[in-house]
């Protein structure tokens, strides 16, 4: 287990939860945040630049249309378990919609975020980062 996650659980007395019990929108909620953190980390670690430049680059990569394109690339690479999480996320009925995306793009992006959240809660950072790298290379253009 990642030491920082172990420490977080210890300090807040958090019990292990079967992540298969989480709703797909809950997985997408945490997945949205962790995906944005990964993108921001990549950008910052590439070198210092004006914060507005970071924001513009990050915004382009975390928008629903980009995440939908990334799914085109990574969907064939998903395990059966990851594919089920993606489909649950994609098919979940959300009360919100994206500003600059079609309904289809938004739903595929929600599925993508659900997979990211699932992998994060599963503590499979390597798999999450590998999928992001493949998706950005072929579907997102860093």
C-alpha atoms as a PDB file:
ATOM      1  CA  UNK A   1       0.000   0.000   0.000  1.00  0.00           C
ATOM      2  CA  UNK A   2       1.204   3.495  -0.757  1.00  0.00           C
ATOM      3  CA  UNK A   3       2.609   4.957   2.476  1.00  0.00           C
ATOM      4  CA  UNK A   4       0.782   8.285   2.089  1.00  0.00           C
ATOM      5  CA  UNK A   5      -2.575   6.556   1.666  1.00  0.00           C
ATOM      6  CA  UNK A   6      -1.803   4.297   4.613  1.00  0.00           C
ATOM      7  CA  UNK A   7      -0.974   7.367   6.695  1.00  0.00           C
ATOM      8  CA  UNK A   8      -4.174   9.139   5.587  1.00  0.00           C
ATOM      9  CA  UNK A   9      -6.253   6.128   6.600  1.00  0.00           C
ATOM     10  CA  UNK A  10      -4.489   5.872   9.954  1.00  0.00           C
ATOM     11  CA  UNK A  11      -4.805   9.567  10.816  1.00  0.00           C
ATOM     12  CA  UNK A  12      -8.491   9.776   9.968  1.00  0.00           C
ATOM     13  CA  UNK A  13      -9.304   6.249  11.166  1.00  0.00           C
ATOM     14  CA  UNK A  14     -10.659   5.284   7.777  1.00  0.00           C
ATOM     15  CA  UNK A  15     -11.663   1.684   7.243  1.00  0.00           C
ATOM     16  CA  UNK A  16     -11.031  -0.161   4.010  1.00  0.00           C
ATOM     17  CA  UNK A  17     -14.147  -0.126   1.835  1.00  0.00           C
ATOM     18  CA  UNK A  18     -14.954  -2.476  -1.019  1.00  0.00           C
ATOM     19  CA  UNK A  19     -14.650  -0.053  -3.930  1.00  0.00           C
ATOM     20  CA  UNK A  20     -17.008  -2.198  -5.991  1.00  0.00           C
ATOM     21  CA  UNK A  21     -19.789  -0.846  -3.751  1.00  0.00           C
ATOM     22  CA  UNK A  22     -19.217   2.781  -4.785  1.00  0.00           C
ATOM     23  CA  UNK A  23     -21.603   4.335  -7.264  1.00  0.00           C
ATOM     24  CA  UNK A  24     -20.070   5.153 -10.651  1.00  0.00           C
ATOM     25  CA  UNK A  25     -20.650   8.857 -10.039  1.00  0.00           C
ATOM     26  CA  UNK A  26     -18.733   8.635  -6.751  1.00  0.00           C
ATOM     27  CA  UNK A  27     -15.857   6.999  -8.631  1.00  0.00           C
ATOM     28  CA  UNK A  28     -16.060   9.744 -11.271  1.00  0.00           C
ATOM     29  CA  UNK A  29     -16.074  12.412  -8.547  1.00  0.00           C
ATOM     30  CA  UNK A  30     -12.745  11.291  -7.095  1.00  0.00           C
ATOM     31  CA  UNK A  31     -11.480  10.338 -10.567  1.00  0.00           C
ATOM     32  CA  UNK A  32     -12.012  13.878 -11.833  1.00  0.00           C
ATOM     33  CA  UNK A  33      -9.884  15.244  -8.996  1.00  0.00           C
ATOM     34  CA  UNK A  34      -7.086  12.687  -9.234  1.00  0.00           C
ATOM     35  CA  UNK A  35      -6.875  12.973 -13.035  1.00  0.00           C
ATOM     36  CA  UNK A  36      -6.569  16.755 -12.756  1.00  0.00           C
ATOM     37  CA  UNK A  37      -3.877  16.327 -10.085  1.00  0.00           C
ATOM     38  CA  UNK A  38      -1.933  13.964 -12.371  1.00  0.00           C
ATOM     39  CA  UNK A  39      -2.187  16.433 -15.286  1.00  0.00           C
ATOM     40  CA  UNK A  40      -1.161  19.403 -13.134  1.00  0.00           C
ATOM     41  CA  UNK A  41       1.742  17.399 -11.712  1.00  0.00           C
ATOM     42  CA  UNK A  42       2.989  16.503 -15.192  1.00  0.00           C
ATOM     43  CA  UNK A  43       2.779  20.117 -16.350  1.00  0.00           C
ATOM     44  CA  UNK A  44       4.504  21.570 -13.289  1.00  0.00           C
ATOM     45  CA  UNK A  45       7.243  18.946 -13.385  1.00  0.00           C
ATOM     46  CA  UNK A  46       7.974  19.901 -17.006  1.00  0.00           C
ATOM     47  CA  UNK A  47       9.250  23.232 -15.727  1.00  0.00           C
ATOM     48  CA  UNK A  48       8.191  26.571 -14.361  1.00  0.00           C
ATOM     49  CA  UNK A  49       6.020  28.875 -16.442  1.00  0.00           C
ATOM     50  CA  UNK A  50       3.243  31.416 -15.846  1.00  0.00           C
ATOM     51  CA  UNK A  51       0.305  29.953 -13.946  1.00  0.00           C
ATOM     52  CA  UNK A  52      -2.067  31.033 -16.707  1.00  0.00           C
ATOM     53  CA  UNK A  53      -0.106  28.860 -19.155  1.00  0.00           C
ATOM     54  CA  UNK A  54      -0.429  25.900 -16.785  1.00  0.00           C
ATOM     55  CA  UNK A  55      -4.142  26.559 -16.481  1.00  0.00           C
ATOM     56  CA  UNK A  56      -4.693  26.734 -20.254  1.00  0.00           C
ATOM     57  CA  UNK A  57      -2.816  23.480 -20.872  1.00  0.00           C
ATOM     58  CA  UNK A  58      -4.506  21.664 -17.989  1.00  0.00           C
ATOM     59  CA  UNK A  59      -7.971  22.914 -18.958  1.00  0.00           C
ATOM     60  CA  UNK A  60      -7.597  21.551 -22.469  1.00  0.00           C
ATOM     61  CA  UNK A  61      -6.659  18.100 -21.133  1.00  0.00           C
ATOM     62  CA  UNK A  62      -9.349  17.803 -18.478  1.00  0.00           C
ATOM     63  CA  UNK A  63     -12.275  18.827 -20.673  1.00  0.00           C
ATOM     64  CA  UNK A  64     -14.861  16.207 -21.589  1.00  0.00           C
ATOM     65  CA  UNK A  65     -14.091  16.199 -25.355  1.00  0.00           C
ATOM     66  CA  UNK A  66     -10.425  15.406 -24.677  1.00  0.00           C
ATOM     67  CA  UNK A  67     -11.268  12.712 -22.135  1.00  0.00           C
ATOM     68  CA  UNK A  68     -13.707  11.220 -24.647  1.00  0.00           C
ATOM     69  CA  UNK A  69     -10.954  11.094 -27.310  1.00  0.00           C
ATOM     70  CA  UNK A  70      -8.641   9.480 -24.781  1.00  0.00           C
ATOM     71  CA  UNK A  71     -11.260   6.776 -24.200  1.00  0.00           C
ATOM     72  CA  UNK A  72     -11.189   5.974 -27.922  1.00  0.00           C
ATOM     73  CA  UNK A  73      -7.533   5.082 -27.438  1.00  0.00           C
ATOM     74  CA  UNK A  74      -7.576   3.307 -24.077  1.00  0.00           C
ATOM     75  CA  UNK A  75     -10.917   1.487 -24.149  1.00  0.00           C
ATOM     76  CA  UNK A  76      -9.495  -1.515 -26.070  1.00  0.00           C
ATOM     77  CA  UNK A  77      -6.725  -1.748 -23.440  1.00  0.00           C
ATOM     78  CA  UNK A  78      -9.025  -1.913 -20.410  1.00  0.00           C
ATOM     79  CA  UNK A  79      -9.295  -5.085 -18.376  1.00  0.00           C
ATOM     80  CA  UNK A  80     -12.737  -6.637 -18.054  1.00  0.00           C
ATOM     81  CA  UNK A  81     -13.068  -5.137 -14.576  1.00  0.00           C
ATOM     82  CA  UNK A  82     -12.013  -1.654 -15.771  1.00  0.00           C
ATOM     83  CA  UNK A  83     -14.365  -1.916 -18.747  1.00  0.00           C
ATOM     84  CA  UNK A  84     -17.287  -2.658 -16.426  1.00  0.00           C
ATOM     85  CA  UNK A  85     -16.404   0.401 -14.312  1.00  0.00           C
ATOM     86  CA  UNK A  86     -16.181   2.511 -17.486  1.00  0.00           C
ATOM     87  CA  UNK A  87     -19.561   1.322 -18.744  1.00  0.00           C
ATOM     88  CA  UNK A  88     -21.191   1.961 -15.361  1.00  0.00           C
ATOM     89  CA  UNK A  89     -19.761   5.486 -15.353  1.00  0.00           C
ATOM     90  CA  UNK A  90     -20.700   6.157 -18.954  1.00  0.00           C
ATOM     91  CA  UNK A  91     -24.265   4.969 -18.408  1.00  0.00           C
ATOM     92  CA  UNK A  92     -24.805   6.740 -15.069  1.00  0.00           C
ATOM     93  CA  UNK A  93     -27.429   9.447 -15.075  1.00  0.00           C
ATOM     94  CA  UNK A  94     -25.913  12.691 -13.856  1.00  0.00           C
ATOM     95  CA  UNK A  95     -27.841  15.827 -13.013  1.00  0.00           C
ATOM     96  CA  UNK A  96     -25.113  17.963 -14.600  1.00  0.00           C
ATOM     97  CA  UNK A  97     -23.851  18.377 -18.140  1.00  0.00           C
ATOM     98  CA  UNK A  98     -20.671  19.736 -19.666  1.00  0.00           C
ATOM     99  CA  UNK A  99     -20.568  23.254 -21.078  1.00  0.00           C
ATOM    100  CA  UNK A 100     -18.582  22.584 -24.241  1.00  0.00           C
ATOM    101  CA  UNK A 101     -19.267  18.919 -24.936  1.00  0.00           C
ATOM    102  CA  UNK A 102     -21.920  16.769 -26.517  1.00  0.00           C
ATOM    103  CA  UNK A 103     -23.944  14.465 -24.301  1.00  0.00           C
ATOM    104  CA  UNK A 104     -21.976  11.519 -25.704  1.00  0.00           C
ATOM    105  CA  UNK A 105     -18.621  13.141 -24.962  1.00  0.00           C
ATOM    106  CA  UNK A 106     -19.739  14.021 -21.459  1.00  0.00           C
ATOM    107  CA  UNK A 107     -20.914  10.490 -20.723  1.00  0.00           C
ATOM    108  CA  UNK A 108     -17.702   8.942 -22.084  1.00  0.00           C
ATOM    109  CA  UNK A 109     -15.694  11.426 -19.992  1.00  0.00           C
ATOM    110  CA  UNK A 110     -17.685  10.421 -16.906  1.00  0.00           C
ATOM    111  CA  UNK A 111     -16.804   6.792 -17.655  1.00  0.00           C
ATOM    112  CA  UNK A 112     -13.138   7.775 -18.025  1.00  0.00           C
ATOM    113  CA  UNK A 113     -13.217   9.588 -14.683  1.00  0.00           C
ATOM    114  CA  UNK A 114     -14.887   6.578 -13.048  1.00  0.00           C
ATOM    115  CA  UNK A 115     -12.001   4.384 -14.217  1.00  0.00           C
ATOM    116  CA  UNK A 116      -9.482   6.910 -12.879  1.00  0.00           C
ATOM    117  CA  UNK A 117     -11.298   6.992  -9.532  1.00  0.00           C
ATOM    118  CA  UNK A 118     -11.511   3.222  -9.401  1.00  0.00           C
ATOM    119  CA  UNK A 119      -7.783   2.817 -10.061  1.00  0.00           C
ATOM    120  CA  UNK A 120      -6.949   5.498  -7.497  1.00  0.00           C
ATOM    121  CA  UNK A 121      -9.076   3.910  -4.781  1.00  0.00           C
ATOM    122  CA  UNK A 122      -7.676   0.528  -5.742  1.00  0.00           C
ATOM    123  CA  UNK A 123      -4.256   2.140  -5.184  1.00  0.00           C
ATOM    124  CA  UNK A 124      -3.123   1.119  -8.650  1.00  0.00           C
ATOM    125  CA  UNK A 125      -1.270   4.334  -9.490  1.00  0.00           C
ATOM    126  CA  UNK A 126       0.953   2.625 -12.038  1.00  0.00           C
ATOM    127  CA  UNK A 127      -1.999   1.428 -14.123  1.00  0.00           C
ATOM    128  CA  UNK A 128      -3.711   4.814 -13.844  1.00  0.00           C
ATOM    129  CA  UNK A 129      -0.591   6.686 -14.975  1.00  0.00           C
ATOM    130  CA  UNK A 130       0.079   4.202 -17.792  1.00  0.00           C
ATOM    131  CA  UNK A 131      -3.453   4.698 -19.155  1.00  0.00           C
ATOM    132  CA  UNK A 132      -3.177   8.496 -18.861  1.00  0.00           C
ATOM    133  CA  UNK A 133       0.154   8.425 -20.699  1.00  0.00           C
ATOM    134  CA  UNK A 134      -1.266   6.335 -23.552  1.00  0.00           C
ATOM    135  CA  UNK A 135      -4.425   8.449 -23.729  1.00  0.00           C
ATOM    136  CA  UNK A 136      -2.551  11.740 -23.758  1.00  0.00           C
ATOM    137  CA  UNK A 137      -0.053  10.536 -26.341  1.00  0.00           C
ATOM    138  CA  UNK A 138      -2.711   9.370 -28.785  1.00  0.00           C
ATOM    139  CA  UNK A 139      -5.879  11.177 -27.773  1.00  0.00           C
ATOM    140  CA  UNK A 140      -5.002  14.253 -25.782  1.00  0.00           C
ATOM    141  CA  UNK A 141      -1.730  15.717 -26.999  1.00  0.00           C
ATOM    142  CA  UNK A 142       0.151  17.119 -24.009  1.00  0.00           C
END
